Amino acid sequence: MVLTDSQTTSAGVLDRIRGVVMDMDGVLWRGTEILPGVLPFVDFLRERHVPFVLASNNSTRTPQDYLIKLAGMGLHGVDAQQIITSGTTTVDYLKRHYPVTTRIHVLGGPGLKQMVDEAGFTRVDENADVVVAGLDFDLTYERIKRAALLIRAGAEFIGTNDDATFPSTEGLIPGAGSLLAALKTATGRAPKVMGKPGLAMFETALGVLGTDPEDTLMIGDRLNTDIAGARAAGLKTALVLTGVTTRDELLVSPTQPDGVFENLVELLAAWQPEG
């Protein structure tokens, strides 16, 4: 069902939701600024005993980093198991498909490097078996050159996610997808991408929630990752306009969510209508 009026026609669908998956960047916050309605919405879910997980394509932080950020914004009581990122998904994939002796080069943030280290892999800058590339806020030409040379030398190429942009307080800045595009151009090799819209993150989320896809709501700000991926996985979808996607982009997109909301304040109002 396509919900064209978020305030009047979505309540029935929302009342059937038994679990929630929420993106973080562009849904809960933008940069260091918490977005409207986050704390009341989480309180509402807890009062109704609706479990939730937080799923982000941002691989620069560990789950513990996210818990600290959430607490700093006043959102307490979240467990590390409720944090799913393209970084955790990538490391899970590495552990399932490669022996611990695999030599891995990481082009990415400190959180991704820490997770690879904690998984027991050997992280190297030469003679790598695998190159894992994700968002790197300190990217330099030397770093991207090293990764490109390793991929050209035969290392397998894995990308944490393919988001072209990243929402910040300054506006949309280059995301991990921009970095992957540069490496693809330089090497002629396409990466195996781990994050949304791939199924892996949604399958992990459903496993944590213990809910069926049709009873689970994905709340995101990107049509091409959050909404497209969730629809492919069978989840209900709600787009909030506090992040990347604009109404103009929504109007011409072949990917349409089940509901569209300005922010979590409006989504909460639709789920808990007055009267």
C-alpha atoms as a PDB file:
ATOM      1  CA  MET A   1       0.000   0.000   0.000  1.00  0.00           C
ATOM      2  CA  VAL A   2       1.318   3.456  -0.883  1.00  0.00           C
ATOM      3  CA  LEU A   3       0.486   5.977   1.808  1.00  0.00           C
ATOM      4  CA  THR A   4       0.057   9.330   0.131  1.00  0.00           C
ATOM      5  CA  ASP A   5      -1.347  11.146   3.170  1.00  0.00           C
ATOM      6  CA  SER A   6       1.013  10.565   6.083  1.00  0.00           C
ATOM      7  CA  GLN A   7      -1.337  12.056   8.670  1.00  0.00           C
ATOM      8  CA  THR A   8      -4.587  10.223   7.866  1.00  0.00           C
ATOM      9  CA  THR A   9      -3.954   6.984   5.982  1.00  0.00           C
ATOM     10  CA  SER A  10      -0.817   5.613   7.627  1.00  0.00           C
ATOM     11  CA  ALA A  11      -2.054   5.012  11.166  1.00  0.00           C
ATOM     12  CA  GLY A  12      -3.579   1.632  10.325  1.00  0.00           C
ATOM     13  CA  VAL A  13      -0.373   0.360   8.766  1.00  0.00           C
ATOM     14  CA  LEU A  14       1.744   1.779  11.588  1.00  0.00           C
ATOM     15  CA  ASP A  15      -0.427   0.089  14.200  1.00  0.00           C
ATOM     16  CA  ARG A  16       0.566  -3.269  12.705  1.00  0.00           C
ATOM     17  CA  ILE A  17       4.296  -2.551  13.067  1.00  0.00           C
ATOM     18  CA  ARG A  18       6.072  -4.786  15.590  1.00  0.00           C
ATOM     19  CA  GLY A  19       9.671  -3.640  15.075  1.00  0.00           C
ATOM     20  CA  VAL A  20      11.542  -0.601  13.735  1.00  0.00           C
ATOM     21  CA  VAL A  21      14.829  -0.133  11.899  1.00  0.00           C
ATOM     22  CA  MET A  22      16.073   3.470  11.904  1.00  0.00           C
ATOM     23  CA  ASP A  23      18.873   5.046   9.974  1.00  0.00           C
ATOM     24  CA  MET A  24      20.957   7.472  12.049  1.00  0.00           C
ATOM     25  CA  ASP A  25      22.626  10.181   9.926  1.00  0.00           C
ATOM     26  CA  GLY A  26      19.812  12.310   8.522  1.00  0.00           C
ATOM     27  CA  VAL A  27      17.150  10.660  10.706  1.00  0.00           C
ATOM     28  CA  LEU A  28      18.362  10.980  14.305  1.00  0.00           C
ATOM     29  CA  TRP A  29      20.939  13.689  13.754  1.00  0.00           C
ATOM     30  CA  ARG A  30      22.721  15.787  11.194  1.00  0.00           C
ATOM     31  CA  GLY A  31      26.386  16.135  12.090  1.00  0.00           C
ATOM     32  CA  THR A  32      26.397  16.994  15.797  1.00  0.00           C
ATOM     33  CA  GLU A  33      22.824  18.311  15.881  1.00  0.00           C
ATOM     34  CA  ILE A  34      19.986  16.089  17.077  1.00  0.00           C
ATOM     35  CA  LEU A  35      16.968  16.286  14.772  1.00  0.00           C
ATOM     36  CA  PRO A  36      13.417  17.187  15.854  1.00  0.00           C
ATOM     37  CA  GLY A  37      11.321  14.579  17.623  1.00  0.00           C
ATOM     38  CA  VAL A  38      13.987  11.922  18.222  1.00  0.00           C
ATOM     39  CA  LEU A  39      13.636  11.522  21.986  1.00  0.00           C
ATOM     40  CA  PRO A  40       9.798  11.550  22.079  1.00  0.00           C
ATOM     41  CA  PHE A  41       9.706   9.039  19.220  1.00  0.00           C
ATOM     42  CA  VAL A  42      12.057   6.624  20.988  1.00  0.00           C
ATOM     43  CA  ASP A  43      10.078   7.035  24.221  1.00  0.00           C
ATOM     44  CA  PHE A  44       6.922   6.179  22.269  1.00  0.00           C
ATOM     45  CA  LEU A  45       8.474   2.980  20.884  1.00  0.00           C
ATOM     46  CA  ARG A  46       9.593   1.922  24.334  1.00  0.00           C
ATOM     47  CA  GLU A  47       6.194   2.646  25.882  1.00  0.00           C
ATOM     48  CA  ARG A  48       4.559   0.447  23.234  1.00  0.00           C
ATOM     49  CA  HIS A  49       7.244  -2.238  23.640  1.00  0.00           C
ATOM     50  CA  VAL A  50       8.229  -1.943  19.971  1.00  0.00           C
ATOM     51  CA  PRO A  51      11.872  -3.049  19.646  1.00  0.00           C
ATOM     52  CA  PHE A  52      14.161  -0.987  17.433  1.00  0.00           C
ATOM     53  CA  VAL A  53      17.617  -1.145  15.925  1.00  0.00           C
ATOM     54  CA  LEU A  54      19.733   1.660  14.507  1.00  0.00           C
ATOM     55  CA  ALA A  55      21.266   0.906  11.120  1.00  0.00           C
ATOM     56  CA  SER A  56      23.756   3.212   9.426  1.00  0.00           C
ATOM     57  CA  ASN A  57      25.863   3.001   6.286  1.00  0.00           C
ATOM     58  CA  ASN A  58      28.494   5.105   8.070  1.00  0.00           C
ATOM     59  CA  SER A  59      31.468   2.826   8.763  1.00  0.00           C
ATOM     60  CA  THR A  60      33.704   5.367  10.507  1.00  0.00           C
ATOM     61  CA  ARG A  61      32.406   4.617  14.020  1.00  0.00           C
ATOM     62  CA  THR A  62      32.217   1.490  16.174  1.00  0.00           C
ATOM     63  CA  PRO A  63      28.962   0.555  17.931  1.00  0.00           C
ATOM     64  CA  GLN A  64      30.504   1.845  21.177  1.00  0.00           C
ATOM     65  CA  ASP A  65      31.239   5.187  19.500  1.00  0.00           C
ATOM     66  CA  TYR A  66      27.591   5.420  18.522  1.00  0.00           C
ATOM     67  CA  LEU A  67      26.433   4.599  22.061  1.00  0.00           C
ATOM     68  CA  ILE A  68      28.552   7.479  23.360  1.00  0.00           C
ATOM     69  CA  LYS A  69      27.119   9.855  20.748  1.00  0.00           C
ATOM     70  CA  LEU A  70      23.566   8.738  21.501  1.00  0.00           C
ATOM     71  CA  ALA A  71      24.078   9.247  25.239  1.00  0.00           C
ATOM     72  CA  GLY A  72      25.532  12.700  24.582  1.00  0.00           C
ATOM     73  CA  MET A  73      22.305  13.606  22.798  1.00  0.00           C
ATOM     74  CA  GLY A  74      20.200  12.325  25.677  1.00  0.00           C
ATOM     75  CA  LEU A  75      19.300   8.937  24.204  1.00  0.00           C
ATOM     76  CA  HIS A  76      20.236   6.399  26.853  1.00  0.00           C
ATOM     77  CA  GLY A  77      19.560   2.702  27.317  1.00  0.00           C
ATOM     78  CA  VAL A  78      20.553   1.558  23.817  1.00  0.00           C
ATOM     79  CA  ASP A  79      22.511  -1.706  23.660  1.00  0.00           C
ATOM     80  CA  ALA A  80      25.473  -2.290  21.345  1.00  0.00           C
ATOM     81  CA  GLN A  81      23.520  -5.140  19.724  1.00  0.00           C
ATOM     82  CA  GLN A  82      21.002  -2.532  18.527  1.00  0.00           C
ATOM     83  CA  ILE A  83      23.701  -0.777  16.458  1.00  0.00           C
ATOM     84  CA  ILE A  84      24.195  -2.166  12.949  1.00  0.00           C
ATOM     85  CA  THR A  85      26.520  -0.400  10.518  1.00  0.00           C
ATOM     86  CA  SER A  86      28.072  -1.080   7.155  1.00  0.00           C
ATOM     87  CA  GLY A  87      31.277  -1.516   9.157  1.00  0.00           C
ATOM     88  CA  THR A  88      29.889  -4.250  11.415  1.00  0.00           C
ATOM     89  CA  THR A  89      28.272  -5.883   8.373  1.00  0.00           C
ATOM     90  CA  THR A  90      31.589  -5.787   6.498  1.00  0.00           C
ATOM     91  CA  VAL A  91      33.488  -7.356   9.387  1.00  0.00           C
ATOM     92  CA  ASP A  92      30.824 -10.064   9.763  1.00  0.00           C
ATOM     93  CA  TYR A  93      31.226 -10.815   6.043  1.00  0.00           C
ATOM     94  CA  LEU A  94      35.023 -10.992   6.398  1.00  0.00           C
ATOM     95  CA  LYS A  95      34.745 -13.408   9.320  1.00  0.00           C
ATOM     96  CA  ARG A  96      32.380 -15.672   7.370  1.00  0.00           C
ATOM     97  CA  HIS A  97      34.373 -15.738   4.133  1.00  0.00           C
ATOM     98  CA  TYR A  98      38.071 -15.320   5.016  1.00  0.00           C
ATOM     99  CA  PRO A  99      40.446 -17.054   7.430  1.00  0.00           C
ATOM    100  CA  VAL A 100      41.824 -14.946  10.251  1.00  0.00           C
ATOM    101  CA  THR A 101      45.245 -15.075   8.582  1.00  0.00           C
ATOM    102  CA  THR A 102      43.954 -12.922   5.706  1.00  0.00           C
ATOM    103  CA  ARG A 103      45.973  -9.740   5.190  1.00  0.00           C
ATOM    104  CA  ILE A 104      43.619  -6.781   4.964  1.00  0.00           C
ATOM    105  CA  HIS A 105      44.297  -3.189   3.968  1.00  0.00           C
ATOM    106  CA  VAL A 106      41.708  -0.716   5.277  1.00  0.00           C
ATOM    107  CA  LEU A 107      41.046   2.604   3.621  1.00  0.00           C
ATOM    108  CA  GLY A 108      38.593   4.138   6.067  1.00  0.00           C
ATOM    109  CA  GLY A 109      38.039   5.714   9.446  1.00  0.00           C
ATOM    110  CA  PRO A 110      39.441   4.655  12.818  1.00  0.00           C
ATOM    111  CA  GLY A 111      36.254   2.827  13.768  1.00  0.00           C
ATOM    112  CA  LEU A 112      36.461   0.511  10.769  1.00  0.00           C
ATOM    113  CA  LYS A 113      40.135  -0.178  11.404  1.00  0.00           C
ATOM    114  CA  GLN A 114      39.408  -0.959  15.055  1.00  0.00           C
ATOM    115  CA  MET A 115      36.670  -3.435  14.153  1.00  0.00           C
ATOM    116  CA  VAL A 116      38.944  -5.232  11.662  1.00  0.00           C
ATOM    117  CA  ASP A 117      41.677  -5.410  14.315  1.00  0.00           C
ATOM    118  CA  GLU A 118      39.292  -6.709  16.976  1.00  0.00           C
ATOM    119  CA  ALA A 119      38.113  -9.433  14.580  1.00  0.00           C
ATOM    120  CA  GLY A 120      41.671 -10.758  14.628  1.00  0.00           C
ATOM    121  CA  PHE A 121      42.721  -9.969  11.065  1.00  0.00           C
ATOM    122  CA  THR A 122      46.179  -8.685  10.167  1.00  0.00           C
ATOM    123  CA  ARG A 123      45.933  -5.132   8.868  1.00  0.00           C
ATOM    124  CA  VAL A 124      48.663  -4.284   6.332  1.00  0.00           C
ATOM    125  CA  ASP A 125      49.750  -1.534   3.959  1.00  0.00           C
ATOM    126  CA  GLU A 126      51.383  -3.868   1.411  1.00  0.00           C
ATOM    127  CA  ASN A 127      50.886  -7.369  -0.006  1.00  0.00           C
ATOM    128  CA  ALA A 128      47.207  -7.285   0.945  1.00  0.00           C
ATOM    129  CA  ASP A 129      44.761 -10.094   0.143  1.00  0.00           C
ATOM    130  CA  VAL A 130      41.753  -7.785   0.557  1.00  0.00           C
ATOM    131  CA  VAL A 131      41.237  -4.030   0.397  1.00  0.00           C
ATOM    132  CA  VAL A 132      38.295  -2.758   2.445  1.00  0.00           C
ATOM    133  CA  ALA A 133      37.300   0.797   1.575  1.00  0.00           C
ATOM    134  CA  GLY A 134      34.869   3.010   3.479  1.00  0.00           C
ATOM    135  CA  LEU A 135      34.282   6.628   4.371  1.00  0.00           C
ATOM    136  CA  ASP A 136      37.537   8.381   5.330  1.00  0.00           C
ATOM    137  CA  PHE A 137      37.265  11.958   6.574  1.00  0.00           C
ATOM    138  CA  ASP A 138      41.080  12.257   6.489  1.00  0.00           C
ATOM    139  CA  LEU A 139      41.478  10.956   2.940  1.00  0.00           C
ATOM    140  CA  THR A 140      44.682  11.903   1.114  1.00  0.00           C
ATOM    141  CA  TYR A 141      45.975  11.173  -2.368  1.00  0.00           C
ATOM    142  CA  GLU A 142      48.631   8.864  -0.894  1.00  0.00           C
ATOM    143  CA  ARG A 143      45.979   6.766   0.871  1.00  0.00           C
ATOM    144  CA  ILE A 144      43.810   6.318  -2.183  1.00  0.00           C
ATOM    145  CA  LYS A 145      46.879   5.653  -4.341  1.00  0.00           C
ATOM    146  CA  ARG A 146      48.034   2.882  -2.001  1.00  0.00           C
ATOM    147  CA  ALA A 147      44.621   1.218  -2.055  1.00  0.00           C
ATOM    148  CA  ALA A 148      44.424   1.453  -5.844  1.00  0.00           C
ATOM    149  CA  LEU A 149      47.852  -0.120  -6.282  1.00  0.00           C
ATOM    150  CA  LEU A 150      46.936  -3.014  -3.971  1.00  0.00           C
ATOM    151  CA  ILE A 151      43.702  -3.657  -5.883  1.00  0.00           C
ATOM    152  CA  ARG A 152      45.613  -3.540  -9.174  1.00  0.00           C
ATOM    153  CA  ALA A 153      48.065  -6.051  -7.721  1.00  0.00           C
ATOM    154  CA  GLY A 154      45.238  -8.536  -7.206  1.00  0.00           C
ATOM    155  CA  ALA A 155      43.691  -7.771  -3.796  1.00  0.00           C
ATOM    156  CA  GLU A 156      39.955  -8.351  -3.563  1.00  0.00           C
ATOM    157  CA  PHE A 157      37.997  -5.099  -3.370  1.00  0.00           C
ATOM    158  CA  ILE A 158      35.251  -4.681  -0.741  1.00  0.00           C
ATOM    159  CA  GLY A 159      33.334  -1.452  -0.106  1.00  0.00           C
ATOM    160  CA  THR A 160      31.444  -0.776   3.095  1.00  0.00           C
ATOM    161  CA  ASN A 161      28.712   1.195   1.325  1.00  0.00           C
ATOM    162  CA  ASP A 162      28.009   3.086  -1.859  1.00  0.00           C
ATOM    163  CA  ASP A 163      26.449   6.337  -0.573  1.00  0.00           C
ATOM    164  CA  ALA A 164      27.621   9.073  -2.935  1.00  0.00           C
ATOM    165  CA  THR A 165      27.042  11.774  -0.324  1.00  0.00           C
ATOM    166  CA  PHE A 166      27.038  12.176   3.443  1.00  0.00           C
ATOM    167  CA  PRO A 167      24.728  14.586   5.338  1.00  0.00           C
ATOM    168  CA  SER A 168      26.580  17.119   7.497  1.00  0.00           C
ATOM    169  CA  THR A 169      25.758  20.444   9.145  1.00  0.00           C
ATOM    170  CA  GLU A 170      27.516  22.081   6.167  1.00  0.00           C
ATOM    171  CA  GLY A 171      25.314  20.268   3.646  1.00  0.00           C
ATOM    172  CA  LEU A 172      25.871  17.131   1.595  1.00  0.00           C
ATOM    173  CA  ILE A 173      29.554  16.209   1.415  1.00  0.00           C
ATOM    174  CA  PRO A 174      31.294  13.343  -0.464  1.00  0.00           C
ATOM    175  CA  GLY A 175      30.438   9.942   0.974  1.00  0.00           C
ATOM    176  CA  ALA A 176      31.992   6.489   0.750  1.00  0.00           C
ATOM    177  CA  GLY A 177      30.481   5.970  -2.694  1.00  0.00           C
ATOM    178  CA  SER A 178      32.528   8.866  -4.035  1.00  0.00           C
ATOM    179  CA  LEU A 179      35.682   7.189  -2.741  1.00  0.00           C
ATOM    180  CA  LEU A 180      34.665   3.828  -4.227  1.00  0.00           C
ATOM    181  CA  ALA A 181      33.986   5.517  -7.566  1.00  0.00           C
ATOM    182  CA  ALA A 182      37.500   6.951  -7.588  1.00  0.00           C
ATOM    183  CA  LEU A 183      39.009   3.524  -6.874  1.00  0.00           C
ATOM    184  CA  LYS A 184      36.821   1.887  -9.514  1.00  0.00           C
ATOM    185  CA  THR A 185      37.960   4.455 -12.068  1.00  0.00           C
ATOM    186  CA  ALA A 186      41.606   4.031 -11.099  1.00  0.00           C
ATOM    187  CA  THR A 187      41.586   0.218 -11.101  1.00  0.00           C
ATOM    188  CA  GLY A 188      38.857  -0.872 -13.492  1.00  0.00           C
ATOM    189  CA  ARG A 189      37.515  -3.071 -10.671  1.00  0.00           C
ATOM    190  CA  ALA A 190      34.080  -2.798  -9.081  1.00  0.00           C
ATOM    191  CA  PRO A 191      33.813  -3.409  -5.325  1.00  0.00           C
ATOM    192  CA  LYS A 192      31.587  -5.898  -3.538  1.00  0.00           C
ATOM    193  CA  VAL A 193      29.421  -3.525  -1.487  1.00  0.00           C
ATOM    194  CA  MET A 194      28.222  -4.532   1.998  1.00  0.00           C
ATOM    195  CA  GLY A 195      25.835  -1.825   3.218  1.00  0.00           C
ATOM    196  CA  LYS A 196      22.341  -0.714   2.271  1.00  0.00           C
ATOM    197  CA  PRO A 197      20.598  -1.304  -0.102  1.00  0.00           C
ATOM    198  CA  GLY A 198      22.063  -4.815   0.142  1.00  0.00           C
ATOM    199  CA  LEU A 199      20.062  -7.418   2.049  1.00  0.00           C
ATOM    200  CA  ALA A 200      22.724  -8.247   4.642  1.00  0.00           C
ATOM    201  CA  MET A 201      22.043  -5.303   6.977  1.00  0.00           C
ATOM    202  CA  PHE A 202      18.283  -5.838   6.853  1.00  0.00           C
ATOM    203  CA  GLU A 203      18.616  -9.558   7.541  1.00  0.00           C
ATOM    204  CA  THR A 204      20.826  -8.775  10.538  1.00  0.00           C
ATOM    205  CA  ALA A 205      18.319  -6.191  11.790  1.00  0.00           C
ATOM    206  CA  LEU A 206      15.394  -8.607  11.519  1.00  0.00           C
ATOM    207  CA  GLY A 207      17.388 -11.215  13.397  1.00  0.00           C
ATOM    208  CA  VAL A 208      18.021  -8.806  16.263  1.00  0.00           C
ATOM    209  CA  LEU A 209      14.405  -7.607  16.355  1.00  0.00           C
ATOM    210  CA  GLY A 210      12.873 -11.074  16.024  1.00  0.00           C
ATOM    211  CA  THR A 211      10.179  -9.714  13.694  1.00  0.00           C
ATOM    212  CA  ASP A 212       8.921 -10.606  10.236  1.00  0.00           C
ATOM    213  CA  PRO A 213       9.696  -8.183   7.381  1.00  0.00           C
ATOM    214  CA  GLU A 214       6.046  -7.274   6.757  1.00  0.00           C
ATOM    215  CA  ASP A 215       5.658  -6.257  10.431  1.00  0.00           C
ATOM    216  CA  THR A 216       8.819  -4.144  10.457  1.00  0.00           C
ATOM    217  CA  LEU A 217       9.225  -0.480   9.536  1.00  0.00           C
ATOM    218  CA  MET A 218      12.374   1.025   8.027  1.00  0.00           C
ATOM    219  CA  ILE A 219      12.746   4.760   8.677  1.00  0.00           C
ATOM    220  CA  GLY A 220      15.333   6.414   6.444  1.00  0.00           C
ATOM    221  CA  ASP A 221      16.277   9.552   4.563  1.00  0.00           C
ATOM    222  CA  ARG A 222      17.618   8.008   1.329  1.00  0.00           C
ATOM    223  CA  LEU A 223      15.435   6.531  -1.370  1.00  0.00           C
ATOM    224  CA  ASN A 224      18.211   4.596  -3.109  1.00  0.00           C
ATOM    225  CA  THR A 225      19.538   2.856   0.005  1.00  0.00           C
ATOM    226  CA  ASP A 226      17.180   2.919   3.007  1.00  0.00           C
ATOM    227  CA  ILE A 227      13.905   2.726   1.107  1.00  0.00           C
ATOM    228  CA  ALA A 228      14.938   0.648  -1.915  1.00  0.00           C
ATOM    229  CA  GLY A 229      16.821  -1.855   0.228  1.00  0.00           C
ATOM    230  CA  ALA A 230      14.042  -2.188   2.789  1.00  0.00           C
ATOM    231  CA  ARG A 231      11.385  -2.684   0.104  1.00  0.00           C
ATOM    232  CA  ALA A 232      13.512  -5.396  -1.517  1.00  0.00           C
ATOM    233  CA  ALA A 233      13.770  -7.088   1.885  1.00  0.00           C
ATOM    234  CA  GLY A 234       9.986  -6.929   2.373  1.00  0.00           C
ATOM    235  CA  LEU A 235       9.858  -4.228   5.069  1.00  0.00           C
ATOM    236  CA  LYS A 236       7.406  -1.335   5.290  1.00  0.00           C
ATOM    237  CA  THR A 237       9.090   2.003   4.674  1.00  0.00           C
ATOM    238  CA  ALA A 238       8.895   5.582   5.928  1.00  0.00           C
ATOM    239  CA  LEU A 239      10.916   8.386   4.353  1.00  0.00           C
ATOM    240  CA  VAL A 240      11.792  11.409   6.491  1.00  0.00           C
ATOM    241  CA  LEU A 241      12.857  14.609   4.756  1.00  0.00           C
ATOM    242  CA  THR A 242      15.488  15.599   7.332  1.00  0.00           C
ATOM    243  CA  GLY A 243      18.434  14.141   5.443  1.00  0.00           C
ATOM    244  CA  VAL A 244      19.369  13.547   1.820  1.00  0.00           C
ATOM    245  CA  THR A 245      16.183  13.055  -0.204  1.00  0.00           C
ATOM    246  CA  THR A 246      14.067  16.094  -1.092  1.00  0.00           C
ATOM    247  CA  ARG A 247      10.410  16.235  -2.086  1.00  0.00           C
ATOM    248  CA  ASP A 248      11.403  17.163  -5.648  1.00  0.00           C
ATOM    249  CA  GLU A 249      13.584  14.049  -5.882  1.00  0.00           C
ATOM    250  CA  LEU A 250      10.790  11.941  -4.408  1.00  0.00           C
ATOM    251  CA  LEU A 251       8.320  13.109  -7.063  1.00  0.00           C
ATOM    252  CA  VAL A 252      10.431  11.782  -9.945  1.00  0.00           C
ATOM    253  CA  SER A 253      11.855   8.669  -8.280  1.00  0.00           C
ATOM    254  CA  PRO A 254      10.737   5.168  -9.329  1.00  0.00           C
ATOM    255  CA  THR A 255      11.342   4.131  -5.707  1.00  0.00           C
ATOM    256  CA  GLN A 256       8.451   5.199  -3.492  1.00  0.00           C
ATOM    257  CA  PRO A 257       8.103   4.706   0.286  1.00  0.00           C
ATOM    258  CA  ASP A 258       4.953   3.631   2.095  1.00  0.00           C
ATOM    259  CA  GLY A 259       4.849   6.965   3.912  1.00  0.00           C
ATOM    260  CA  VAL A 260       6.548  10.365   3.690  1.00  0.00           C
ATOM    261  CA  PHE A 261       7.107  12.593   6.715  1.00  0.00           C
ATOM    262  CA  GLU A 262       8.850  15.899   7.297  1.00  0.00           C
ATOM    263  CA  ASN A 263      10.550  14.481  10.403  1.00  0.00           C
ATOM    264  CA  LEU A 264      10.019  12.107  13.321  1.00  0.00           C
ATOM    265  CA  VAL A 265       7.619  14.599  14.906  1.00  0.00           C
ATOM    266  CA  GLU A 266       5.225  14.119  11.993  1.00  0.00           C
ATOM    267  CA  LEU A 267       5.749  10.354  11.943  1.00  0.00           C
ATOM    268  CA  LEU A 268       4.907  10.160  15.643  1.00  0.00           C
ATOM    269  CA  ALA A 269       1.788  12.248  15.078  1.00  0.00           C
ATOM    270  CA  ALA A 270       0.678   9.843  12.334  1.00  0.00           C
ATOM    271  CA  TRP A 271       1.329   6.802  14.505  1.00  0.00           C
ATOM    272  CA  GLN A 272      -0.339   8.335  17.548  1.00  0.00           C
ATOM    273  CA  PRO A 273      -3.127  10.524  16.120  1.00  0.00           C
ATOM    274  CA  GLU A 274      -5.002  12.852  18.437  1.00  0.00           C
ATOM    275  CA  GLY A 275      -8.339  11.659  19.660  1.00  0.00           C
END
